[in-house]
Amino acid sequence: MSLPFPVPVPFPFVPLARGSVAVLLVHDVASVVAIMIVRRSKPRWVVFMRSGIIREAHEEGSPLKTLEIRRHARRDPDADALSPEGRVQAEDVGRALTGGYDVVFVSPAKRAAETAAWFLRATGQQLPEHAVVPGLGGDGTDNSPEQLGEVLHAVIAAIPEAGRGLAVGHTPLIEKAVRGLTSREIHPLGECEGVLLTDDGGRIRVEELRLS
């Protein structure tokens, strides 16, 4: 099975504008660039989508949108890839997913892209608009709940109005990001477990997605 996402390579840290822009990471320009723009000492995260669209946080009152963010499936202990059991696991979980995602986000890790690919394959959905978001792997952050929460905020902002997004990342980064964004404490996620975040005009509702 070929991956629909580019396999990431090490990212250079590149300053874009001294004093006003702090770079998160620069990926392959044909794929995605994610940066953090600092204005009045408050970071504003933006995501450059594969299509070239730049999306950022909207004002309160935007139509309802949802982000389903899940931990990747079981990994190969010796490589950044899913194990054979992990591929079966991701496909099994994918059969229970609703599908119909408008956009898909993954961390730079190959195992995250593989998990998303098996999820989509199981739902029968073609790959929609998508982006590799370095911050989902903690890259360019200090791994604090606050900064990881800002990454989640940017990812939600990149979902089309009234749309649905799927993201695949890692533990404990997902749990910390949810705490930073919503102040909600999430117990450690198992493989393929996750959280459903519903943005209802700026108010985020949290639903845990457990497998058992």
C-alpha atoms as a PDB file:
ATOM      1  CA  MET A   1       0.000   0.000   0.000  1.00  0.00           C
ATOM      2  CA  SER A   2       1.529   3.315  -1.053  1.00  0.00           C
ATOM      3  CA  LEU A   3       1.289   6.249   1.283  1.00  0.00           C
ATOM      4  CA  PRO A   4      -0.793   9.255   0.198  1.00  0.00           C
ATOM      5  CA  PHE A   5       1.449  11.517   2.293  1.00  0.00           C
ATOM      6  CA  PRO A   6       5.045  12.472   1.546  1.00  0.00           C
ATOM      7  CA  VAL A   7       7.451  10.715   3.891  1.00  0.00           C
ATOM      8  CA  PRO A   8       9.038  13.553   5.846  1.00  0.00           C
ATOM      9  CA  VAL A   9      12.719  14.295   6.033  1.00  0.00           C
ATOM     10  CA  PRO A  10      14.529  16.224   8.801  1.00  0.00           C
ATOM     11  CA  PHE A  11      13.264  19.795   8.946  1.00  0.00           C
ATOM     12  CA  PRO A  12      15.549  22.832   8.961  1.00  0.00           C
ATOM     13  CA  PHE A  13      14.754  25.662  11.358  1.00  0.00           C
ATOM     14  CA  VAL A  14      14.627  28.789   9.215  1.00  0.00           C
ATOM     15  CA  PRO A  15      14.011  32.308  10.585  1.00  0.00           C
ATOM     16  CA  LEU A  16      11.563  34.078   8.275  1.00  0.00           C
ATOM     17  CA  ALA A  17      11.537  37.552   9.770  1.00  0.00           C
ATOM     18  CA  ARG A  18      13.616  38.637  12.712  1.00  0.00           C
ATOM     19  CA  GLY A  19      11.573  39.921  15.631  1.00  0.00           C
ATOM     20  CA  SER A  20       8.127  39.300  14.172  1.00  0.00           C
ATOM     21  CA  VAL A  21       8.049  35.665  13.079  1.00  0.00           C
ATOM     22  CA  ALA A  22       9.248  32.637  14.987  1.00  0.00           C
ATOM     23  CA  VAL A  23       9.502  29.641  12.697  1.00  0.00           C
ATOM     24  CA  LEU A  24       7.872  26.416  13.730  1.00  0.00           C
ATOM     25  CA  LEU A  25       9.289  24.344  10.871  1.00  0.00           C
ATOM     26  CA  VAL A  26       9.607  24.421   7.124  1.00  0.00           C
ATOM     27  CA  HIS A  27       8.642  21.226   5.324  1.00  0.00           C
ATOM     28  CA  ASP A  28       8.870  20.540   1.594  1.00  0.00           C
ATOM     29  CA  VAL A  29       7.372  23.663   0.016  1.00  0.00           C
ATOM     30  CA  ALA A  30       5.147  21.447  -2.119  1.00  0.00           C
ATOM     31  CA  SER A  31       3.639  19.982   1.014  1.00  0.00           C
ATOM     32  CA  VAL A  32       3.158  22.258   3.987  1.00  0.00           C
ATOM     33  CA  VAL A  33       4.726  25.050   5.945  1.00  0.00           C
ATOM     34  CA  ALA A  34       3.585  25.728   9.482  1.00  0.00           C
ATOM     35  CA  ILE A  35       4.776  28.842  11.270  1.00  0.00           C
ATOM     36  CA  MET A  36       4.026  30.753  14.404  1.00  0.00           C
ATOM     37  CA  ILE A  37       3.526  34.476  13.961  1.00  0.00           C
ATOM     38  CA  VAL A  38       4.046  36.611  17.039  1.00  0.00           C
ATOM     39  CA  ARG A  39       1.950  39.742  17.352  1.00  0.00           C
ATOM     40  CA  ARG A  40       1.742  41.765  20.534  1.00  0.00           C
ATOM     41  CA  SER A  41       3.501  38.913  22.362  1.00  0.00           C
ATOM     42  CA  LYS A  42       0.659  36.446  21.627  1.00  0.00           C
ATOM     43  CA  PRO A  43       1.448  33.640  19.167  1.00  0.00           C
ATOM     44  CA  ARG A  44      -0.897  33.205  16.220  1.00  0.00           C
ATOM     45  CA  TRP A  45      -0.537  29.882  14.462  1.00  0.00           C
ATOM     46  CA  VAL A  46      -1.300  29.441  10.789  1.00  0.00           C
ATOM     47  CA  VAL A  47      -1.284  26.371   8.568  1.00  0.00           C
ATOM     48  CA  PHE A  48      -0.294  26.490   4.909  1.00  0.00           C
ATOM     49  CA  MET A  49      -2.323  23.749   3.237  1.00  0.00           C
ATOM     50  CA  ARG A  50      -1.084  21.598   0.364  1.00  0.00           C
ATOM     51  CA  SER A  51      -3.441  23.454  -1.959  1.00  0.00           C
ATOM     52  CA  GLY A  52      -1.708  26.714  -1.124  1.00  0.00           C
ATOM     53  CA  ILE A  53      -4.552  28.017   1.028  1.00  0.00           C
ATOM     54  CA  ILE A  54      -3.445  29.801   4.196  1.00  0.00           C
ATOM     55  CA  ARG A  55      -5.804  29.264   7.098  1.00  0.00           C
ATOM     56  CA  GLU A  56      -5.741  30.719  10.579  1.00  0.00           C
ATOM     57  CA  ALA A  57      -8.021  31.095  13.574  1.00  0.00           C
ATOM     58  CA  HIS A  58     -11.398  32.696  12.959  1.00  0.00           C
ATOM     59  CA  GLU A  59     -13.378  34.929  15.213  1.00  0.00           C
ATOM     60  CA  GLU A  60     -15.927  33.497  17.607  1.00  0.00           C
ATOM     61  CA  GLY A  61     -19.269  32.770  16.018  1.00  0.00           C
ATOM     62  CA  SER A  62     -17.923  30.600  13.185  1.00  0.00           C
ATOM     63  CA  PRO A  63     -20.131  27.643  12.167  1.00  0.00           C
ATOM     64  CA  LEU A  64     -19.656  24.377  14.045  1.00  0.00           C
ATOM     65  CA  LYS A  65     -16.678  22.230  12.984  1.00  0.00           C
ATOM     66  CA  THR A  66     -15.143  19.057  14.400  1.00  0.00           C
ATOM     67  CA  LEU A  67     -11.666  17.594  14.717  1.00  0.00           C
ATOM     68  CA  GLU A  68     -11.186  13.907  15.440  1.00  0.00           C
ATOM     69  CA  ILE A  69      -7.602  13.502  16.649  1.00  0.00           C
ATOM     70  CA  ARG A  70      -6.272  10.001  17.300  1.00  0.00           C
ATOM     71  CA  ARG A  71      -3.068   8.348  18.393  1.00  0.00           C
ATOM     72  CA  HIS A  72      -1.329   6.284  15.724  1.00  0.00           C
ATOM     73  CA  ALA A  73      -1.706   2.482  15.636  1.00  0.00           C
ATOM     74  CA  ARG A  74       0.832   0.002  17.021  1.00  0.00           C
ATOM     75  CA  ARG A  75       4.312   0.801  15.743  1.00  0.00           C
ATOM     76  CA  ASP A  76       7.240  -1.332  14.681  1.00  0.00           C
ATOM     77  CA  PRO A  77       9.608  -1.250  17.680  1.00  0.00           C
ATOM     78  CA  ASP A  78      12.613  -0.890  15.386  1.00  0.00           C
ATOM     79  CA  ALA A  79      11.370   1.623  12.823  1.00  0.00           C
ATOM     80  CA  ASP A  80       9.138   4.646  12.276  1.00  0.00           C
ATOM     81  CA  ALA A  81       6.405   2.543  10.743  1.00  0.00           C
ATOM     82  CA  LEU A  82       3.405   0.503  11.778  1.00  0.00           C
ATOM     83  CA  SER A  83       3.937  -3.107  12.685  1.00  0.00           C
ATOM     84  CA  PRO A  84       1.893  -5.745  10.809  1.00  0.00           C
ATOM     85  CA  GLU A  85      -0.397  -5.838  13.857  1.00  0.00           C
ATOM     86  CA  GLY A  86      -0.643  -2.052  13.726  1.00  0.00           C
ATOM     87  CA  ARG A  87      -1.800  -2.069  10.123  1.00  0.00           C
ATOM     88  CA  VAL A  88      -4.536  -4.584  10.964  1.00  0.00           C
ATOM     89  CA  GLN A  89      -5.443  -2.557  14.053  1.00  0.00           C
ATOM     90  CA  ALA A  90      -5.756   0.712  12.101  1.00  0.00           C
ATOM     91  CA  GLU A  91      -7.907  -0.902   9.431  1.00  0.00           C
ATOM     92  CA  ASP A  92     -10.154  -2.517  12.049  1.00  0.00           C
ATOM     93  CA  VAL A  93     -10.635   0.812  13.844  1.00  0.00           C
ATOM     94  CA  GLY A  94     -11.152   2.563  10.518  1.00  0.00           C
ATOM     95  CA  ARG A  95     -14.131   0.343   9.716  1.00  0.00           C
ATOM     96  CA  ALA A  96     -15.940   1.859  12.684  1.00  0.00           C
ATOM     97  CA  LEU A  97     -15.200   5.459  11.692  1.00  0.00           C
ATOM     98  CA  THR A  98     -17.822   7.612  10.032  1.00  0.00           C
ATOM     99  CA  GLY A  99     -15.523   8.920   7.308  1.00  0.00           C
ATOM    100  CA  GLY A 100     -16.499  11.916   5.233  1.00  0.00           C
ATOM    101  CA  TYR A 101     -13.542  14.000   6.408  1.00  0.00           C
ATOM    102  CA  ASP A 102     -12.969  17.303   4.653  1.00  0.00           C
ATOM    103  CA  VAL A 103      -9.290  17.491   5.588  1.00  0.00           C
ATOM    104  CA  VAL A 104      -6.664  15.204   7.140  1.00  0.00           C
ATOM    105  CA  PHE A 105      -3.656  16.231   9.240  1.00  0.00           C
ATOM    106  CA  VAL A 106      -0.730  14.063  10.330  1.00  0.00           C
ATOM    107  CA  SER A 107       2.465  14.583  12.278  1.00  0.00           C
ATOM    108  CA  PRO A 108       5.764  14.216  10.377  1.00  0.00           C
ATOM    109  CA  ALA A 109       6.116  10.613  11.604  1.00  0.00           C
ATOM    110  CA  LYS A 110       5.608   7.937   8.958  1.00  0.00           C
ATOM    111  CA  ARG A 111       3.558   5.837  11.397  1.00  0.00           C
ATOM    112  CA  ALA A 112       1.044   8.684  11.678  1.00  0.00           C
ATOM    113  CA  ALA A 113       0.642   8.906   7.902  1.00  0.00           C
ATOM    114  CA  GLU A 114       0.283   5.133   7.657  1.00  0.00           C
ATOM    115  CA  THR A 115      -2.401   5.124  10.342  1.00  0.00           C
ATOM    116  CA  ALA A 116      -4.370   7.836   8.537  1.00  0.00           C
ATOM    117  CA  ALA A 117      -4.027   5.950   5.248  1.00  0.00           C
ATOM    118  CA  TRP A 118      -5.410   2.726   6.758  1.00  0.00           C
ATOM    119  CA  PHE A 119      -8.239   4.638   8.428  1.00  0.00           C
ATOM    120  CA  LEU A 120      -9.261   6.132   5.085  1.00  0.00           C
ATOM    121  CA  ARG A 121      -8.887   2.853   3.259  1.00  0.00           C
ATOM    122  CA  ALA A 122     -11.215   1.166   5.750  1.00  0.00           C
ATOM    123  CA  THR A 123     -13.854   3.893   5.407  1.00  0.00           C
ATOM    124  CA  GLY A 124     -13.628   3.746   1.621  1.00  0.00           C
ATOM    125  CA  GLN A 125     -12.844   7.459   1.432  1.00  0.00           C
ATOM    126  CA  GLN A 126     -10.391   8.978  -1.008  1.00  0.00           C
ATOM    127  CA  LEU A 127      -7.707  11.216   0.445  1.00  0.00           C
ATOM    128  CA  PRO A 128      -9.134  14.732   0.893  1.00  0.00           C
ATOM    129  CA  GLU A 129      -7.140  17.928   1.295  1.00  0.00           C
ATOM    130  CA  HIS A 130      -4.323  17.173   3.710  1.00  0.00           C
ATOM    131  CA  ALA A 131      -1.293  18.566   5.496  1.00  0.00           C
ATOM    132  CA  VAL A 132       1.724  17.401   7.470  1.00  0.00           C
ATOM    133  CA  VAL A 133       1.726  19.504  10.643  1.00  0.00           C
ATOM    134  CA  PRO A 134       5.083  19.378  12.472  1.00  0.00           C
ATOM    135  CA  GLY A 135       3.544  20.662  15.695  1.00  0.00           C
ATOM    136  CA  LEU A 136       1.457  17.487  15.986  1.00  0.00           C
ATOM    137  CA  GLY A 137       4.750  15.760  16.697  1.00  0.00           C
ATOM    138  CA  GLY A 138       5.869  18.509  19.064  1.00  0.00           C
ATOM    139  CA  ASP A 139       8.388  19.924  16.577  1.00  0.00           C
ATOM    140  CA  GLY A 140       8.966  23.637  16.997  1.00  0.00           C
ATOM    141  CA  THR A 141       7.256  23.699  20.404  1.00  0.00           C
ATOM    142  CA  ASP A 142       8.534  23.351  23.950  1.00  0.00           C
ATOM    143  CA  ASN A 143       6.043  20.477  24.427  1.00  0.00           C
ATOM    144  CA  SER A 144       4.093  22.548  26.937  1.00  0.00           C
ATOM    145  CA  PRO A 145       0.291  22.228  27.017  1.00  0.00           C
ATOM    146  CA  GLU A 146       0.032  25.901  26.069  1.00  0.00           C
ATOM    147  CA  GLN A 147       2.057  25.642  22.859  1.00  0.00           C
ATOM    148  CA  LEU A 148       0.632  22.268  21.889  1.00  0.00           C
ATOM    149  CA  GLY A 149      -2.825  23.710  22.478  1.00  0.00           C
ATOM    150  CA  GLU A 150      -2.017  26.514  20.040  1.00  0.00           C
ATOM    151  CA  VAL A 151      -1.117  23.880  17.445  1.00  0.00           C
ATOM    152  CA  LEU A 152      -4.513  22.239  17.926  1.00  0.00           C
ATOM    153  CA  HIS A 153      -6.149  25.661  17.657  1.00  0.00           C
ATOM    154  CA  ALA A 154      -4.461  26.188  14.278  1.00  0.00           C
ATOM    155  CA  VAL A 155      -5.462  22.738  13.063  1.00  0.00           C
ATOM    156  CA  ILE A 156      -9.104  23.355  13.961  1.00  0.00           C
ATOM    157  CA  ALA A 157      -8.911  26.726  12.212  1.00  0.00           C
ATOM    158  CA  ALA A 158      -7.713  24.970   9.047  1.00  0.00           C
ATOM    159  CA  ILE A 159     -10.884  22.879   8.848  1.00  0.00           C
ATOM    160  CA  PRO A 160     -13.436  24.310   6.398  1.00  0.00           C
ATOM    161  CA  GLU A 161     -16.457  26.024   7.908  1.00  0.00           C
ATOM    162  CA  ALA A 162     -18.951  23.445   9.210  1.00  0.00           C
ATOM    163  CA  GLY A 163     -16.463  20.745   8.180  1.00  0.00           C
ATOM    164  CA  ARG A 164     -14.873  17.656   9.717  1.00  0.00           C
ATOM    165  CA  GLY A 165     -11.178  16.992  10.158  1.00  0.00           C
ATOM    166  CA  LEU A 166      -9.129  13.926  11.055  1.00  0.00           C
ATOM    167  CA  ALA A 167      -5.699  14.219  12.695  1.00  0.00           C
ATOM    168  CA  VAL A 168      -3.223  11.531  13.715  1.00  0.00           C
ATOM    169  CA  GLY A 169      -0.581  12.263  16.321  1.00  0.00           C
ATOM    170  CA  HIS A 170       1.081  10.903  19.418  1.00  0.00           C
ATOM    171  CA  THR A 171       0.720  10.418  23.156  1.00  0.00           C
ATOM    172  CA  PRO A 172       1.270  12.252  25.488  1.00  0.00           C
ATOM    173  CA  LEU A 173       1.236  15.194  23.070  1.00  0.00           C
ATOM    174  CA  ILE A 174      -2.462  14.844  22.243  1.00  0.00           C
ATOM    175  CA  GLU A 175      -3.453  14.768  25.901  1.00  0.00           C
ATOM    176  CA  LYS A 176      -1.267  17.795  26.682  1.00  0.00           C
ATOM    177  CA  ALA A 177      -2.600  19.701  23.668  1.00  0.00           C
ATOM    178  CA  VAL A 178      -6.213  19.091  24.715  1.00  0.00           C
ATOM    179  CA  ARG A 179      -5.379  20.322  28.209  1.00  0.00           C
ATOM    180  CA  GLY A 180      -3.708  23.425  26.804  1.00  0.00           C
ATOM    181  CA  LEU A 181      -6.644  24.181  24.520  1.00  0.00           C
ATOM    182  CA  THR A 182      -9.565  23.306  26.799  1.00  0.00           C
ATOM    183  CA  SER A 183      -8.184  22.764  30.349  1.00  0.00           C
ATOM    184  CA  ARG A 184      -9.690  19.256  30.137  1.00  0.00           C
ATOM    185  CA  GLU A 185      -7.544  16.451  31.580  1.00  0.00           C
ATOM    186  CA  ILE A 186      -7.425  13.366  29.349  1.00  0.00           C
ATOM    187  CA  HIS A 187      -6.166  10.037  30.642  1.00  0.00           C
ATOM    188  CA  PRO A 188      -3.448   8.435  28.472  1.00  0.00           C
ATOM    189  CA  LEU A 189      -4.714   7.290  25.094  1.00  0.00           C
ATOM    190  CA  GLY A 190      -4.240   3.769  23.825  1.00  0.00           C
ATOM    191  CA  GLU A 191      -3.286   3.008  20.232  1.00  0.00           C
ATOM    192  CA  CYS A 192      -5.864   4.449  17.819  1.00  0.00           C
ATOM    193  CA  GLU A 193      -7.808   6.072  20.651  1.00  0.00           C
ATOM    194  CA  GLY A 194      -8.457   9.772  20.519  1.00  0.00           C
ATOM    195  CA  VAL A 195     -10.561  12.807  21.226  1.00  0.00           C
ATOM    196  CA  LEU A 196     -13.368  14.492  19.311  1.00  0.00           C
ATOM    197  CA  LEU A 197     -13.174  18.285  19.537  1.00  0.00           C
ATOM    198  CA  THR A 198     -16.239  20.239  18.486  1.00  0.00           C
ATOM    199  CA  ASP A 199     -15.769  23.956  17.914  1.00  0.00           C
ATOM    200  CA  ASP A 200     -19.154  25.579  18.355  1.00  0.00           C
ATOM    201  CA  GLY A 201     -18.466  29.218  17.649  1.00  0.00           C
ATOM    202  CA  GLY A 202     -15.301  29.328  19.740  1.00  0.00           C
ATOM    203  CA  ARG A 203     -16.538  27.056  22.537  1.00  0.00           C
ATOM    204  CA  ILE A 204     -14.725  23.704  22.392  1.00  0.00           C
ATOM    205  CA  ARG A 205     -16.539  20.552  23.481  1.00  0.00           C
ATOM    206  CA  VAL A 206     -14.477  17.445  24.265  1.00  0.00           C
ATOM    207  CA  GLU A 207     -15.485  13.808  23.810  1.00  0.00           C
ATOM    208  CA  GLU A 208     -13.057  10.965  24.474  1.00  0.00           C
ATOM    209  CA  LEU A 209     -12.925   8.236  21.815  1.00  0.00           C
ATOM    210  CA  ARG A 210     -12.032   4.973  23.555  1.00  0.00           C
ATOM    211  CA  LEU A 211     -11.885   1.539  21.967  1.00  0.00           C
ATOM    212  CA  SER A 212     -13.260  -0.272  24.984  1.00  0.00           C
END
